[in-house]
C-alpha atoms as a PDB file:
ATOM      1  CA  MET A   1       0.000   0.000   0.000  1.00  0.00           C
ATOM      2  CA  ASN A   2       1.356   3.401  -0.921  1.00  0.00           C
ATOM      3  CA  ALA A   3       1.741   5.455   2.238  1.00  0.00           C
ATOM      4  CA  THR A   4       2.285   8.797   0.579  1.00  0.00           C
ATOM      5  CA  ALA A   5      -0.713  11.129   0.530  1.00  0.00           C
ATOM      6  CA  THR A   6       0.420  13.089  -2.523  1.00  0.00           C
ATOM      7  CA  PRO A   7      -1.015  11.742  -5.795  1.00  0.00           C
ATOM      8  CA  PHE A   8       1.619  10.294  -8.110  1.00  0.00           C
ATOM      9  CA  SER A   9       0.492  12.598 -10.929  1.00  0.00           C
ATOM     10  CA  THR A  10       1.345  15.561  -8.693  1.00  0.00           C
ATOM     11  CA  LEU A  11       4.689  14.098  -7.658  1.00  0.00           C
ATOM     12  CA  ILE A  12       5.721  13.501 -11.264  1.00  0.00           C
ATOM     13  CA  ARG A  13       4.642  16.971 -12.381  1.00  0.00           C
ATOM     14  CA  VAL A  14       6.413  18.781  -9.531  1.00  0.00           C
ATOM     15  CA  ALA A  15       9.589  16.697  -9.741  1.00  0.00           C
ATOM     16  CA  SER A  16      10.024  17.327 -13.472  1.00  0.00           C
ATOM     17  CA  HIS A  17       9.046  21.004 -13.401  1.00  0.00           C
ATOM     18  CA  ALA A  18      12.588  22.369 -13.763  1.00  0.00           C
ATOM     19  CA  GLN A  19      13.427  20.181 -16.768  1.00  0.00           C
ATOM     20  CA  HIS A  20      10.035  20.875 -18.298  1.00  0.00           C
ATOM     21  CA  THR A  21      10.554  24.627 -18.037  1.00  0.00           C
ATOM     22  CA  GLU A  22      14.073  24.390 -19.442  1.00  0.00           C
ATOM     23  CA  ALA A  23      12.895  22.439 -22.491  1.00  0.00           C
ATOM     24  CA  GLU A  24       9.878  24.691 -23.002  1.00  0.00           C
ATOM     25  CA  THR A  25      11.942  27.892 -22.881  1.00  0.00           C
ATOM     26  CA  SER A  26      14.815  26.718 -25.081  1.00  0.00           C
ATOM     27  CA  THR A  27      16.252  29.264 -27.487  1.00  0.00           C
ATOM     28  CA  PHE A  28      15.044  27.268 -30.483  1.00  0.00           C
ATOM     29  CA  MET A  29      11.476  26.969 -29.230  1.00  0.00           C
ATOM     30  CA  SER A  30      11.395  30.626 -28.172  1.00  0.00           C
ATOM     31  CA  ASP A  31      12.598  31.695 -31.618  1.00  0.00           C
ATOM     32  CA  LEU A  32      10.150  29.344 -33.340  1.00  0.00           C
ATOM     33  CA  LEU A  33       7.169  30.536 -31.318  1.00  0.00           C
ATOM     34  CA  GLY A  34       8.294  34.132 -31.701  1.00  0.00           C
ATOM     35  CA  GLY A  35       8.065  33.880 -35.476  1.00  0.00           C
ATOM     36  CA  ARG A  36      11.803  34.511 -35.852  1.00  0.00           C
ATOM     37  CA  LEU A  37      12.502  31.275 -37.727  1.00  0.00           C
ATOM     38  CA  GLY A  38      11.328  30.105 -41.117  1.00  0.00           C
ATOM     39  CA  VAL A  39       9.097  27.212 -42.012  1.00  0.00           C
ATOM     40  CA  ASP A  40      12.231  25.136 -42.699  1.00  0.00           C
ATOM     41  CA  ALA A  41      12.994  25.149 -38.957  1.00  0.00           C
ATOM     42  CA  TYR A  42       9.431  24.083 -38.174  1.00  0.00           C
ATOM     43  CA  THR A  43       9.742  21.322 -40.770  1.00  0.00           C
ATOM     44  CA  ARG A  44      12.981  20.062 -39.250  1.00  0.00           C
ATOM     45  CA  TYR A  45      11.371  19.985 -35.829  1.00  0.00           C
ATOM     46  CA  THR A  46       8.402  18.031 -37.206  1.00  0.00           C
ATOM     47  CA  GLU A  47      10.822  15.536 -38.744  1.00  0.00           C
ATOM     48  CA  GLN A  48      12.389  14.909 -35.322  1.00  0.00           C
ATOM     49  CA  LEU A  49       8.971  14.304 -33.794  1.00  0.00           C
ATOM     50  CA  TRP A  50       8.283  11.612 -36.374  1.00  0.00           C
ATOM     51  CA  PHE A  51      11.310   9.581 -35.251  1.00  0.00           C
ATOM     52  CA  VAL A  52      10.291   9.853 -31.596  1.00  0.00           C
ATOM     53  CA  TYR A  53       6.641   8.926 -32.161  1.00  0.00           C
ATOM     54  CA  ARG A  54       7.531   6.078 -34.461  1.00  0.00           C
ATOM     55  CA  ALA A  55       9.538   4.647 -31.547  1.00  0.00           C
ATOM     56  CA  LEU A  56       6.807   5.408 -29.008  1.00  0.00           C
ATOM     57  CA  GLU A  57       3.875   4.103 -31.008  1.00  0.00           C
ATOM     58  CA  GLY A  58       5.689   1.267 -32.737  1.00  0.00           C
ATOM     59  CA  ALA A  59       5.819  -0.496 -29.373  1.00  0.00           C
ATOM     60  CA  SER A  60       2.309   0.351 -28.226  1.00  0.00           C
ATOM     61  CA  GLU A  61       0.554  -2.765 -29.487  1.00  0.00           C
ATOM     62  CA  SER A  62       3.004  -5.097 -27.769  1.00  0.00           C
ATOM     63  CA  LEU A  63       2.402  -3.274 -24.463  1.00  0.00           C
ATOM     64  CA  ARG A  64      -1.395  -3.147 -24.655  1.00  0.00           C
ATOM     65  CA  ALA A  65      -1.796  -6.133 -22.301  1.00  0.00           C
ATOM     66  CA  ASN A  66       0.922  -4.993 -19.902  1.00  0.00           C
ATOM     67  CA  PRO A  67      -0.494  -4.146 -16.444  1.00  0.00           C
ATOM     68  CA  VAL A  68       1.730  -1.079 -16.059  1.00  0.00           C
ATOM     69  CA  ALA A  69       1.829   0.454 -19.546  1.00  0.00           C
ATOM     70  CA  GLY A  70      -1.322  -1.063 -21.052  1.00  0.00           C
ATOM     71  CA  PRO A  71      -3.870   1.324 -19.486  1.00  0.00           C
ATOM     72  CA  PHE A  72      -2.084   4.278 -21.136  1.00  0.00           C
ATOM     73  CA  ILE A  73      -2.283   2.904 -24.685  1.00  0.00           C
ATOM     74  CA  ARG A  74      -5.148   4.874 -26.227  1.00  0.00           C
ATOM     75  CA  HIS A  75      -5.778   4.875 -29.965  1.00  0.00           C
ATOM     76  CA  GLU A  76      -7.030   8.466 -29.904  1.00  0.00           C
ATOM     77  CA  LEU A  77      -3.557   9.624 -28.879  1.00  0.00           C
ATOM     78  CA  ALA A  78      -1.734   8.105 -31.875  1.00  0.00           C
ATOM     79  CA  ARG A  79       0.248  10.804 -33.683  1.00  0.00           C
ATOM     80  CA  THR A  80       2.312   8.981 -36.304  1.00  0.00           C
ATOM     81  CA  PRO A  81      -0.329   9.102 -39.097  1.00  0.00           C
ATOM     82  CA  GLU A  82      -0.861  12.826 -38.489  1.00  0.00           C
ATOM     83  CA  LEU A  83       2.878  13.492 -38.496  1.00  0.00           C
ATOM     84  CA  GLU A  84       3.165  11.688 -41.821  1.00  0.00           C
ATOM     85  CA  ARG A  85       0.389  13.829 -43.325  1.00  0.00           C
ATOM     86  CA  ASP A  86       2.146  16.946 -42.054  1.00  0.00           C
ATOM     87  CA  LEU A  87       5.488  15.836 -43.476  1.00  0.00           C
ATOM     88  CA  ALA A  88       3.899  15.083 -46.849  1.00  0.00           C
ATOM     89  CA  HIS A  89       2.566  18.637 -46.820  1.00  0.00           C
ATOM     90  CA  LEU A  90       5.856  20.149 -45.668  1.00  0.00           C
ATOM     91  CA  ARG A  91       8.320  18.042 -47.679  1.00  0.00           C
ATOM     92  CA  GLY A  92       6.262  16.656 -50.546  1.00  0.00           C
ATOM     93  CA  ALA A  93       5.091  13.170 -51.479  1.00  0.00           C
ATOM     94  CA  ASP A  94       8.608  11.706 -51.235  1.00  0.00           C
ATOM     95  CA  TRP A  95       9.067  13.130 -47.742  1.00  0.00           C
ATOM     96  CA  ARG A  96      10.935  10.047 -46.496  1.00  0.00           C
ATOM     97  CA  THR A  97      13.789  10.634 -48.933  1.00  0.00           C
ATOM     98  CA  GLY A  98      16.844  11.948 -47.103  1.00  0.00           C
ATOM     99  CA  LEU A  99      15.040  12.027 -43.772  1.00  0.00           C
ATOM    100  CA  GLU A 100      17.568  11.612 -40.946  1.00  0.00           C
ATOM    101  CA  PRO A 101      17.270  12.093 -37.197  1.00  0.00           C
ATOM    102  CA  LEU A 102      19.581  14.485 -35.421  1.00  0.00           C
ATOM    103  CA  PRO A 103      22.013  12.670 -33.075  1.00  0.00           C
ATOM    104  CA  ALA A 104      19.987  13.806 -30.051  1.00  0.00           C
ATOM    105  CA  THR A 105      16.779  12.559 -31.671  1.00  0.00           C
ATOM    106  CA  ALA A 106      18.322   9.186 -32.452  1.00  0.00           C
ATOM    107  CA  ALA A 107      19.419   8.842 -28.807  1.00  0.00           C
ATOM    108  CA  TYR A 108      15.949   9.866 -27.604  1.00  0.00           C
ATOM    109  CA  ALA A 109      14.155   7.379 -29.880  1.00  0.00           C
ATOM    110  CA  ALA A 110      16.575   4.623 -28.893  1.00  0.00           C
ATOM    111  CA  ARG A 111      15.835   5.210 -25.204  1.00  0.00           C
ATOM    112  CA  VAL A 112      12.083   5.093 -25.847  1.00  0.00           C
ATOM    113  CA  GLU A 113      12.489   1.779 -27.666  1.00  0.00           C
ATOM    114  CA  GLU A 114      14.701   0.427 -24.886  1.00  0.00           C
ATOM    115  CA  CYS A 115      12.078   1.249 -22.260  1.00  0.00           C
ATOM    116  CA  ALA A 116       9.295  -0.179 -24.418  1.00  0.00           C
ATOM    117  CA  HIS A 117      11.105  -3.498 -24.673  1.00  0.00           C
ATOM    118  CA  ASP A 118      12.624  -3.762 -21.201  1.00  0.00           C
ATOM    119  CA  TRP A 119      10.825  -1.475 -18.766  1.00  0.00           C
ATOM    120  CA  PRO A 120       7.112  -0.615 -19.026  1.00  0.00           C
ATOM    121  CA  GLY A 121       7.399   1.962 -16.209  1.00  0.00           C
ATOM    122  CA  GLY A 122       9.988   3.864 -18.224  1.00  0.00           C
ATOM    123  CA  PHE A 123       7.721   3.712 -21.253  1.00  0.00           C
ATOM    124  CA  VAL A 124       4.976   5.342 -19.149  1.00  0.00           C
ATOM    125  CA  ALA A 125       7.374   8.164 -18.262  1.00  0.00           C
ATOM    126  CA  HIS A 126       8.023   8.910 -21.941  1.00  0.00           C
ATOM    127  CA  HIS A 127       4.349   8.482 -22.814  1.00  0.00           C
ATOM    128  CA  TYR A 128       3.370  11.015 -20.161  1.00  0.00           C
ATOM    129  CA  THR A 129       5.936  13.650 -21.109  1.00  0.00           C
ATOM    130  CA  ARG A 130       5.021  13.509 -24.779  1.00  0.00           C
ATOM    131  CA  TYR A 131       1.247  13.243 -24.914  1.00  0.00           C
ATOM    132  CA  LEU A 132       0.286  15.509 -22.052  1.00  0.00           C
ATOM    133  CA  GLY A 133       2.659  18.086 -23.485  1.00  0.00           C
ATOM    134  CA  ASP A 134       1.062  17.763 -26.912  1.00  0.00           C
ATOM    135  CA  LEU A 135      -2.392  18.267 -25.428  1.00  0.00           C
ATOM    136  CA  SER A 136      -1.217  21.351 -23.527  1.00  0.00           C
ATOM    137  CA  GLY A 137       1.688  23.425 -24.830  1.00  0.00           C
ATOM    138  CA  GLY A 138       1.436  21.789 -28.227  1.00  0.00           C
ATOM    139  CA  GLN A 139      -1.695  23.822 -28.866  1.00  0.00           C
ATOM    140  CA  ILE A 140       0.323  27.019 -28.546  1.00  0.00           C
ATOM    141  CA  ILE A 141       2.720  25.725 -31.196  1.00  0.00           C
ATOM    142  CA  ARG A 142      -0.200  24.912 -33.503  1.00  0.00           C
ATOM    143  CA  ASP A 143      -1.699  28.376 -33.111  1.00  0.00           C
ATOM    144  CA  ARG A 144       1.628  30.117 -33.778  1.00  0.00           C
ATOM    145  CA  ALA A 145       2.390  27.888 -36.758  1.00  0.00           C
ATOM    146  CA  GLU A 146      -0.972  28.660 -38.350  1.00  0.00           C
ATOM    147  CA  LYS A 147      -0.447  32.391 -37.906  1.00  0.00           C
ATOM    148  CA  THR A 148       3.245  32.484 -38.825  1.00  0.00           C
ATOM    149  CA  TRP A 149       3.331  30.204 -41.873  1.00  0.00           C
ATOM    150  CA  GLY A 150      -0.269  30.325 -43.015  1.00  0.00           C
ATOM    151  CA  PHE A 151      -1.320  26.737 -42.431  1.00  0.00           C
ATOM    152  CA  ALA A 152      -5.061  26.122 -42.563  1.00  0.00           C
ATOM    153  CA  ARG A 153      -6.568  26.023 -39.085  1.00  0.00           C
ATOM    154  CA  LYS A 154      -6.105  22.458 -37.789  1.00  0.00           C
ATOM    155  CA  GLY A 155      -5.157  21.452 -41.326  1.00  0.00           C
ATOM    156  CA  ASP A 156      -2.189  20.013 -43.191  1.00  0.00           C
ATOM    157  CA  GLY A 157       1.057  21.053 -41.547  1.00  0.00           C
ATOM    158  CA  VAL A 158      -0.341  21.154 -38.009  1.00  0.00           C
ATOM    159  CA  ARG A 159      -2.384  17.937 -37.854  1.00  0.00           C
ATOM    160  CA  PHE A 160       0.062  16.524 -35.323  1.00  0.00           C
ATOM    161  CA  TYR A 161      -1.420  18.922 -32.756  1.00  0.00           C
ATOM    162  CA  VAL A 162      -5.054  18.108 -33.581  1.00  0.00           C
ATOM    163  CA  PHE A 163      -6.553  15.262 -31.545  1.00  0.00           C
ATOM    164  CA  GLU A 164      -9.721  14.527 -33.485  1.00  0.00           C
ATOM    165  CA  GLY A 165     -10.695  11.695 -31.140  1.00  0.00           C
ATOM    166  CA  ILE A 166     -10.497  13.792 -27.971  1.00  0.00           C
ATOM    167  CA  ALA A 167     -13.508  16.081 -27.688  1.00  0.00           C
ATOM    168  CA  ASN A 168     -12.604  17.444 -24.264  1.00  0.00           C
ATOM    169  CA  PRO A 169      -8.807  17.701 -23.739  1.00  0.00           C
ATOM    170  CA  ALA A 170      -9.164  18.969 -20.155  1.00  0.00           C
ATOM    171  CA  ALA A 171     -11.295  15.967 -19.169  1.00  0.00           C
ATOM    172  CA  PHE A 172      -8.945  13.617 -21.001  1.00  0.00           C
ATOM    173  CA  LYS A 173      -5.938  15.013 -19.138  1.00  0.00           C
ATOM    174  CA  ARG A 174      -7.763  14.569 -15.842  1.00  0.00           C
ATOM    175  CA  SER A 175      -8.506  10.937 -16.660  1.00  0.00           C
ATOM    176  CA  TYR A 176      -4.885  10.433 -17.720  1.00  0.00           C
ATOM    177  CA  ARG A 177      -3.643  11.785 -14.395  1.00  0.00           C
ATOM    178  CA  GLU A 178      -6.033   9.436 -12.611  1.00  0.00           C
ATOM    179  CA  LEU A 179      -4.406   6.564 -14.505  1.00  0.00           C
ATOM    180  CA  LEU A 180      -1.032   7.775 -13.262  1.00  0.00           C
ATOM    181  CA  ASP A 181      -2.345   7.849  -9.699  1.00  0.00           C
ATOM    182  CA  ARG A 182      -3.428   4.213 -10.054  1.00  0.00           C
ATOM    183  CA  VAL A 183      -0.317   2.993 -11.874  1.00  0.00           C
ATOM    184  CA  ALA A 184       0.686  -0.557 -10.927  1.00  0.00           C
ATOM    185  CA  ALA A 185       3.978   0.363  -9.260  1.00  0.00           C
ATOM    186  CA  ASP A 186       5.375   0.544  -5.732  1.00  0.00           C
ATOM    187  CA  ASP A 187       7.040   3.663  -4.328  1.00  0.00           C
ATOM    188  CA  LEU A 188      10.517   2.660  -5.488  1.00  0.00           C
ATOM    189  CA  GLU A 189       9.302   2.037  -9.010  1.00  0.00           C
ATOM    190  CA  LYS A 190       7.390   5.311  -8.977  1.00  0.00           C
ATOM    191  CA  GLN A 191      10.599   7.147  -8.121  1.00  0.00           C
ATOM    192  CA  ARG A 192      12.322   5.416 -11.029  1.00  0.00           C
ATOM    193  CA  ILE A 193       9.484   6.551 -13.311  1.00  0.00           C
ATOM    194  CA  ILE A 194       9.878  10.120 -12.050  1.00  0.00           C
ATOM    195  CA  ASP A 195      13.602   9.987 -12.761  1.00  0.00           C
ATOM    196  CA  GLU A 196      12.924   8.713 -16.276  1.00  0.00           C
ATOM    197  CA  CYS A 197      10.425  11.514 -16.786  1.00  0.00           C
ATOM    198  CA  LYS A 198      13.174  14.000 -15.982  1.00  0.00           C
ATOM    199  CA  ARG A 199      15.414  12.187 -18.419  1.00  0.00           C
ATOM    200  CA  ALA A 200      12.734  12.437 -21.097  1.00  0.00           C
ATOM    201  CA  PHE A 201      12.632  16.215 -20.723  1.00  0.00           C
ATOM    202  CA  ASP A 202      16.435  16.262 -20.915  1.00  0.00           C
ATOM    203  CA  PHE A 203      16.242  14.340 -24.207  1.00  0.00           C
ATOM    204  CA  ASN A 204      13.795  16.942 -25.510  1.00  0.00           C
ATOM    205  CA  GLY A 205      16.116  19.718 -24.390  1.00  0.00           C
ATOM    206  CA  ALA A 206      19.023  18.108 -26.231  1.00  0.00           C
ATOM    207  CA  VAL A 207      16.975  17.946 -29.440  1.00  0.00           C
ATOM    208  CA  PHE A 208      16.113  21.638 -29.076  1.00  0.00           C
ATOM    209  CA  ARG A 209      19.769  22.536 -28.554  1.00  0.00           C
ATOM    210  CA  GLU A 210      20.793  20.704 -31.712  1.00  0.00           C
ATOM    211  CA  LEU A 211      17.985  22.327 -33.668  1.00  0.00           C
ATOM    212  CA  GLY A 212      19.039  25.700 -32.281  1.00  0.00           C
ATOM    213  CA  ALA A 213      22.593  25.129 -33.469  1.00  0.00           C
ATOM    214  CA  ARG A 214      21.297  24.405 -36.971  1.00  0.00           C
ATOM    215  CA  PHE A 215      18.947  27.381 -37.057  1.00  0.00           C
ATOM    216  CA  PRO A 216      20.795  30.246 -35.377  1.00  0.00           C
ATOM    217  CA  LEU A 217      19.343  33.704 -35.707  1.00  0.00           C
ATOM    218  CA  SER A 218      21.415  36.111 -37.790  1.00  0.00           C
ATOM    219  CA  ALA A 219      23.375  38.534 -35.664  1.00  0.00           C
END
């Protein structure tokens, strides 16, 4: 029985706050959201997301029956098809040609795959950091992208951020946090999940740093 009175969803959010803020306020993301970068930077970022979500969702089916990770596998969250529609819009029909992950992205995707195969609790940590972020801050990115580069509202180019199967994102996020609070893990395992959540934000931060190095603002 878990003796702590603080819900796990609160513990994980508070513990990862610093890393979350650091990733969210990276120079690259600030420049992107500020309209100071071109659509090529947005495209490169979208490419990196595809590698991460392919790793995350490629393992989902095999984890569906897992008591720890299984409850989090929800078809309405799946982003890979939407990312592929966005990339076809951004890069053309042959969008896969020449597509390569940045080194930081490759390391991130490899860690997601490692957790998916060996550690369901770690998979939950990566699942949480990605999808709850997409349902929250991701909507800011969508809005800015539509205004900055003229994408149709919730259309091609920003479909990654549009969750057609989730009518009420606030209610969905509440139910997701309730799943976290009931996760099949003891206190030691929960601490390991929290640590992996921090690591997930660090992976995101590393991707942003590499993107920032490739898209520096002119002096």
